[in-house]
Structures are given as structure tokens and as C-alpha cells.
């Protein structure tokens, strides 16, 4: 089960910096997670300052 980034995202980029799989990239307004690359490690959710990343 991959994680997803919710509307609470402030586009700070911290999640992309900590993702060991490179599954997170900058979208149009918020960052997005590629579910094909996400290994569900949770590093991004732990690092997110706004708790915008949740299990899908």
C-alpha cells in the first residue's frame, strides 16, 4: 500500500529529499508519489512538517 500526499502539502520538498526510492516528485501544485516506485517505507510521512502524507 503506497502513501499519498494530501492537500495539506506546502510543497517544501522535504519528502522528496528523504525518499530512498526517488518516488516523489514536484507536481503542479503539490508533490506527488509514484505508487509504482513507493515501497511504503514511511520515511516521507515521518519527515513531512505538515503531516500531509498518509497511507493510501
PDB file of N, CA and C in Angstrom:
ATOM      1  N   UNK A   1       0.850  -1.178   0.000  1.00  0.00           N
ATOM      2  CA  UNK A   1       0.000   0.000   0.000  1.00  0.00           C
ATOM      3  C   UNK A   1       0.895   1.241   0.000  1.00  0.00           C
ATOM      4  N   UNK A   2       0.813   2.026  -1.041  1.00  0.00           N
ATOM      5  CA  UNK A   2       1.628   3.224  -1.167  1.00  0.00           C
ATOM      6  C   UNK A   2       1.052   4.368  -0.337  1.00  0.00           C
ATOM      7  N   UNK A   3       1.888   5.353  -0.088  1.00  0.00           N
ATOM      8  CA  UNK A   3       1.445   6.559   0.595  1.00  0.00           C
ATOM      9  C   UNK A   3       0.941   7.558  -0.446  1.00  0.00           C
ATOM     10  N   UNK A   4       0.185   8.560   0.001  1.00  0.00           N
ATOM     11  CA  UNK A   4      -0.224   9.628  -0.893  1.00  0.00           C
ATOM     12  C   UNK A   4      -0.071  10.956  -0.167  1.00  0.00           C
ATOM     13  N   UNK A   5       0.059  12.007  -0.948  1.00  0.00           N
ATOM     14  CA  UNK A   5       0.232  13.350  -0.405  1.00  0.00           C
ATOM     15  C   UNK A   5      -1.098  14.079  -0.535  1.00  0.00           C
ATOM     16  N   UNK A   6      -1.551  14.646   0.584  1.00  0.00           N
ATOM     17  CA  UNK A   6      -2.846  15.314   0.616  1.00  0.00           C
ATOM     18  C   UNK A   6      -2.700  16.813   0.347  1.00  0.00           C
ATOM     19  N   UNK A   7      -3.823  17.501   0.317  1.00  0.00           N
ATOM     20  CA  UNK A   7      -3.863  18.938   0.047  1.00  0.00           C
ATOM     21  C   UNK A   7      -3.150  19.779   1.107  1.00  0.00           C
ATOM     22  N   UNK A   8      -2.818  19.175   2.246  1.00  0.00           N
ATOM     23  CA  UNK A   8      -2.097  19.914   3.281  1.00  0.00           C
ATOM     24  C   UNK A   8      -0.645  20.182   2.902  1.00  0.00           C
ATOM     25  N   UNK A   9      -0.198  19.604   1.790  1.00  0.00           N
ATOM     26  CA  UNK A   9       1.179  19.775   1.314  1.00  0.00           C
ATOM     27  C   UNK A   9       1.480  21.248   1.065  1.00  0.00           C
ATOM     28  N   UNK A  10       2.632  21.701   1.579  1.00  0.00           N
ATOM     29  CA  UNK A  10       3.068  23.080   1.364  1.00  0.00           C
ATOM     30  C   UNK A  10       4.201  23.139   0.333  1.00  0.00           C
ATOM     31  N   UNK A  11       4.451  22.034  -0.351  1.00  0.00           N
ATOM     32  CA  UNK A  11       5.450  21.944  -1.418  1.00  0.00           C
ATOM     33  C   UNK A  11       6.850  22.354  -0.961  1.00  0.00           C
ATOM     34  N   UNK A  12       7.224  21.910   0.238  1.00  0.00           N
ATOM     35  CA  UNK A  12       8.551  22.251   0.766  1.00  0.00           C
ATOM     36  C   UNK A  12       9.654  21.352   0.193  1.00  0.00           C
ATOM     37  N   UNK A  13       9.290  20.142  -0.254  1.00  0.00           N
ATOM     38  CA  UNK A  13      10.265  19.251  -0.865  1.00  0.00           C
ATOM     39  C   UNK A  13      11.003  18.328   0.072  1.00  0.00           C
ATOM     40  N   UNK A  14      10.738  18.402   1.359  1.00  0.00           N
ATOM     41  CA  UNK A  14      11.425  17.559   2.332  1.00  0.00           C
ATOM     42  C   UNK A  14      11.187  16.082   2.014  1.00  0.00           C
ATOM     43  N   UNK A  15       9.969  15.741   1.652  1.00  0.00           N
ATOM     44  CA  UNK A  15       9.626  14.347   1.368  1.00  0.00           C
ATOM     45  C   UNK A  15      10.450  13.785   0.212  1.00  0.00           C
ATOM     46  N   UNK A  16      10.611  14.576  -0.826  1.00  0.00           N
ATOM     47  CA  UNK A  16      11.389  14.133  -1.987  1.00  0.00           C
ATOM     48  C   UNK A  16      12.853  13.923  -1.603  1.00  0.00           C
ATOM     49  N   UNK A  17      13.358  14.761  -0.718  1.00  0.00           N
ATOM     50  CA  UNK A  17      14.756  14.662  -0.290  1.00  0.00           C
ATOM     51  C   UNK A  17      15.029  13.386   0.503  1.00  0.00           C
ATOM     52  N   UNK A  18      14.039  12.914   1.270  1.00  0.00           N
ATOM     53  CA  UNK A  18      14.277  11.744   2.121  1.00  0.00           C
ATOM     54  C   UNK A  18      13.835  10.418   1.486  1.00  0.00           C
ATOM     55  N   UNK A  19      13.144  10.462   0.366  1.00  0.00           N
ATOM     56  CA  UNK A  19      12.656   9.223  -0.257  1.00  0.00           C
ATOM     57  C   UNK A  19      13.811   8.411  -0.843  1.00  0.00           C
ATOM     58  N   UNK A  20      14.061   7.209  -0.324  1.00  0.00           N
ATOM     59  CA  UNK A  20      15.183   6.405  -0.809  1.00  0.00           C
ATOM     60  C   UNK A  20      14.948   5.816  -2.195  1.00  0.00           C
ATOM     61  N   UNK A  21      13.717   5.813  -2.663  1.00  0.00           N
ATOM     62  CA  UNK A  21      13.385   5.218  -3.962  1.00  0.00           C
ATOM     63  C   UNK A  21      13.227   6.252  -5.069  1.00  0.00           C
ATOM     64  N   UNK A  22      13.256   7.538  -4.720  1.00  0.00           N
ATOM     65  CA  UNK A  22      13.041   8.580  -5.716  1.00  0.00           C
ATOM     66  C   UNK A  22      11.620   8.579  -6.259  1.00  0.00           C
ATOM     67  N   UNK A  23      10.674   8.169  -5.421  1.00  0.00           N
ATOM     68  CA  UNK A  23       9.286   8.026  -5.847  1.00  0.00           C
ATOM     69  C   UNK A  23       8.489   9.324  -5.763  1.00  0.00           C
ATOM     70  N   UNK A  24       9.069  10.373  -5.219  1.00  0.00           N
ATOM     71  CA  UNK A  24       8.336  11.621  -5.015  1.00  0.00           C
ATOM     72  C   UNK A  24       8.895  12.710  -5.916  1.00  0.00           C
ATOM     73  N   UNK A  25       7.971  13.404  -6.592  1.00  0.00           N
ATOM     74  CA  UNK A  25       8.381  14.488  -7.472  1.00  0.00           C
ATOM     75  C   UNK A  25       7.425  15.662  -7.325  1.00  0.00           C
ATOM     76  N   UNK A  26       7.865  16.806  -7.814  1.00  0.00           N
ATOM     77  CA  UNK A  26       7.052  18.009  -7.722  1.00  0.00           C
ATOM     78  C   UNK A  26       5.953  17.953  -8.775  1.00  0.00           C
ATOM     79  N   UNK A  27       4.712  18.111  -8.315  1.00  0.00           N
ATOM     80  CA  UNK A  27       3.577  18.148  -9.229  1.00  0.00           C
ATOM     81  C   UNK A  27       3.245  19.583  -9.582  1.00  0.00           C
ATOM     82  N   UNK A  28       2.041  19.810 -10.116  1.00  0.00           N
ATOM     83  CA  UNK A  28       1.635  21.161 -10.493  1.00  0.00           C
ATOM     84  C   UNK A  28       1.557  22.088  -9.291  1.00  0.00           C
ATOM     85  N   UNK A  29       0.900  21.640  -8.219  1.00  0.00           N
ATOM     86  CA  UNK A  29       0.759  22.484  -7.041  1.00  0.00           C
ATOM     87  C   UNK A  29       1.367  21.852  -5.788  1.00  0.00           C
ATOM     88  N   UNK A  30       1.313  20.527  -5.694  1.00  0.00           N
ATOM     89  CA  UNK A  30       1.868  19.810  -4.548  1.00  0.00           C
ATOM     90  C   UNK A  30       2.746  18.679  -5.065  1.00  0.00           C
ATOM     91  N   UNK A  31       3.499  18.084  -4.164  1.00  0.00           N
ATOM     92  CA  UNK A  31       4.329  16.954  -4.545  1.00  0.00           C
ATOM     93  C   UNK A  31       3.453  15.710  -4.723  1.00  0.00           C
ATOM     94  N   UNK A  32       3.919  14.766  -5.530  1.00  0.00           N
ATOM     95  CA  UNK A  32       3.164  13.541  -5.799  1.00  0.00           C
ATOM     96  C   UNK A  32       4.071  12.333  -5.613  1.00  0.00           C
ATOM     97  N   UNK A  33       3.455  11.211  -5.257  1.00  0.00           N
ATOM     98  CA  UNK A  33       4.184   9.962  -5.065  1.00  0.00           C
ATOM     99  C   UNK A  33       3.813   8.992  -6.170  1.00  0.00           C
ATOM    100  N   UNK A  34       4.815   8.423  -6.824  1.00  0.00           N
ATOM    101  CA  UNK A  34       4.585   7.401  -7.839  1.00  0.00           C
ATOM    102  C   UNK A  34       4.349   6.078  -7.123  1.00  0.00           C
ATOM    103  N   UNK A  35       3.122   5.545  -7.160  1.00  0.00           N
ATOM    104  CA  UNK A  35       2.829   4.316  -6.419  1.00  0.00           C
ATOM    105  C   UNK A  35       3.593   3.095  -6.931  1.00  0.00           C
ATOM    106  N   UNK A  36       4.077   3.153  -8.157  1.00  0.00           N
ATOM    107  CA  UNK A  36       4.864   2.053  -8.706  1.00  0.00           C
ATOM    108  C   UNK A  36       6.256   1.989  -8.075  1.00  0.00           C
ATOM    109  N   UNK A  37       6.767   3.121  -7.648  1.00  0.00           N
ATOM    110  CA  UNK A  37       8.111   3.186  -7.051  1.00  0.00           C
ATOM    111  C   UNK A  37       8.090   3.147  -5.536  1.00  0.00           C
ATOM    112  N   UNK A  38       6.981   3.557  -4.932  1.00  0.00           N
ATOM    113  CA  UNK A  38       6.880   3.641  -3.473  1.00  0.00           C
ATOM    114  C   UNK A  38       6.945   2.247  -2.844  1.00  0.00           C
ATOM    115  N   UNK A  39       7.834   2.091  -1.871  1.00  0.00           N
ATOM    116  CA  UNK A  39       7.967   0.813  -1.161  1.00  0.00           C
ATOM    117  C   UNK A  39       7.304   0.861   0.208  1.00  0.00           C
ATOM    118  N   UNK A  40       6.589   1.946   0.487  1.00  0.00           N
ATOM    119  CA  UNK A  40       5.823   2.085   1.729  1.00  0.00           C
ATOM    120  C   UNK A  40       6.720   2.101   2.972  1.00  0.00           C
ATOM    121  N   UNK A  41       7.893   2.697   2.854  1.00  0.00           N
ATOM    122  CA  UNK A  41       8.820   2.725   3.994  1.00  0.00           C
ATOM    123  C   UNK A  41       8.379   3.725   5.062  1.00  0.00           C
ATOM    124  N   UNK A  42       7.660   4.794   4.659  1.00  0.00           N
ATOM    125  CA  UNK A  42       7.181   5.772   5.614  1.00  0.00           C
ATOM    126  C   UNK A  42       8.147   6.903   5.930  1.00  0.00           C
ATOM    127  N   UNK A  43       9.320   6.907   5.322  1.00  0.00           N
ATOM    128  CA  UNK A  43      10.287   7.975   5.591  1.00  0.00           C
ATOM    129  C   UNK A  43       9.707   9.348   5.268  1.00  0.00           C
ATOM    130  N   UNK A  44       8.961   9.429   4.173  1.00  0.00           N
ATOM    131  CA  UNK A  44       8.380  10.708   3.769  1.00  0.00           C
ATOM    132  C   UNK A  44       7.361  11.202   4.791  1.00  0.00           C
ATOM    133  N   UNK A  45       6.512  10.312   5.262  1.00  0.00           N
ATOM    134  CA  UNK A  45       5.491  10.683   6.247  1.00  0.00           C
ATOM    135  C   UNK A  45       6.139  11.148   7.542  1.00  0.00           C
ATOM    136  N   UNK A  46       7.209  10.488   7.947  1.00  0.00           N
ATOM    137  CA  UNK A  46       7.910  10.876   9.165  1.00  0.00           C
ATOM    138  C   UNK A  46       8.554  12.250   9.031  1.00  0.00           C
ATOM    139  N   UNK A  47       9.006  12.602   7.832  1.00  0.00           N
ATOM    140  CA  UNK A  47       9.708  13.859   7.615  1.00  0.00           C
ATOM    141  C   UNK A  47       8.792  15.040   7.312  1.00  0.00           C
ATOM    142  N   UNK A  48       7.573  14.782   6.909  1.00  0.00           N
ATOM    143  CA  UNK A  48       6.660  15.844   6.485  1.00  0.00           C
ATOM    144  C   UNK A  48       6.301  16.766   7.652  1.00  0.00           C
ATOM    145  N   UNK A  49       6.563  18.081   7.519  1.00  0.00           N
ATOM    146  CA  UNK A  49       6.287  19.003   8.623  1.00  0.00           C
ATOM    147  C   UNK A  49       4.800  19.308   8.813  1.00  0.00           C
ATOM    148  N   UNK A  50       3.959  18.981   7.829  1.00  0.00           N
ATOM    149  CA  UNK A  50       2.528  19.277   7.938  1.00  0.00           C
ATOM    150  C   UNK A  50       1.666  18.015   8.017  1.00  0.00           C
ATOM    151  N   UNK A  51       2.290  16.863   8.165  1.00  0.00           N
ATOM    152  CA  UNK A  51       1.569  15.591   8.213  1.00  0.00           C
ATOM    153  C   UNK A  51       0.652  15.407   7.012  1.00  0.00           C
ATOM    154  N   UNK A  52       1.118  15.827   5.843  1.00  0.00           N
ATOM    155  CA  UNK A  52       0.333  15.770   4.614  1.00  0.00           C
ATOM    156  C   UNK A  52       0.439  14.433   3.899  1.00  0.00           C
ATOM    157  N   UNK A  53       1.232  13.504   4.423  1.00  0.00           N
ATOM    158  CA  UNK A  53       1.421  12.217   3.752  1.00  0.00           C
ATOM    159  C   UNK A  53       0.777  11.122   4.584  1.00  0.00           C
ATOM    160  N   UNK A  54      -0.127  10.394   3.932  1.00  0.00           N
ATOM    161  CA  UNK A  54      -0.905   9.358   4.616  1.00  0.00           C
ATOM    162  C   UNK A  54      -0.854   8.052   3.822  1.00  0.00           C
ATOM    163  N   UNK A  55      -1.153   6.949   4.507  1.00  0.00           N
ATOM    164  CA  UNK A  55      -1.241   5.672   3.802  1.00  0.00           C
ATOM    165  C   UNK A  55      -2.475   5.691   2.928  1.00  0.00           C
ATOM    166  N   UNK A  56      -2.343   5.150   1.733  1.00  0.00           N
ATOM    167  CA  UNK A  56      -3.464   5.120   0.808  1.00  0.00           C
ATOM    168  C   UNK A  56      -4.264   3.863   0.944  1.00  0.00           C
TER     169      UNK A  56
END
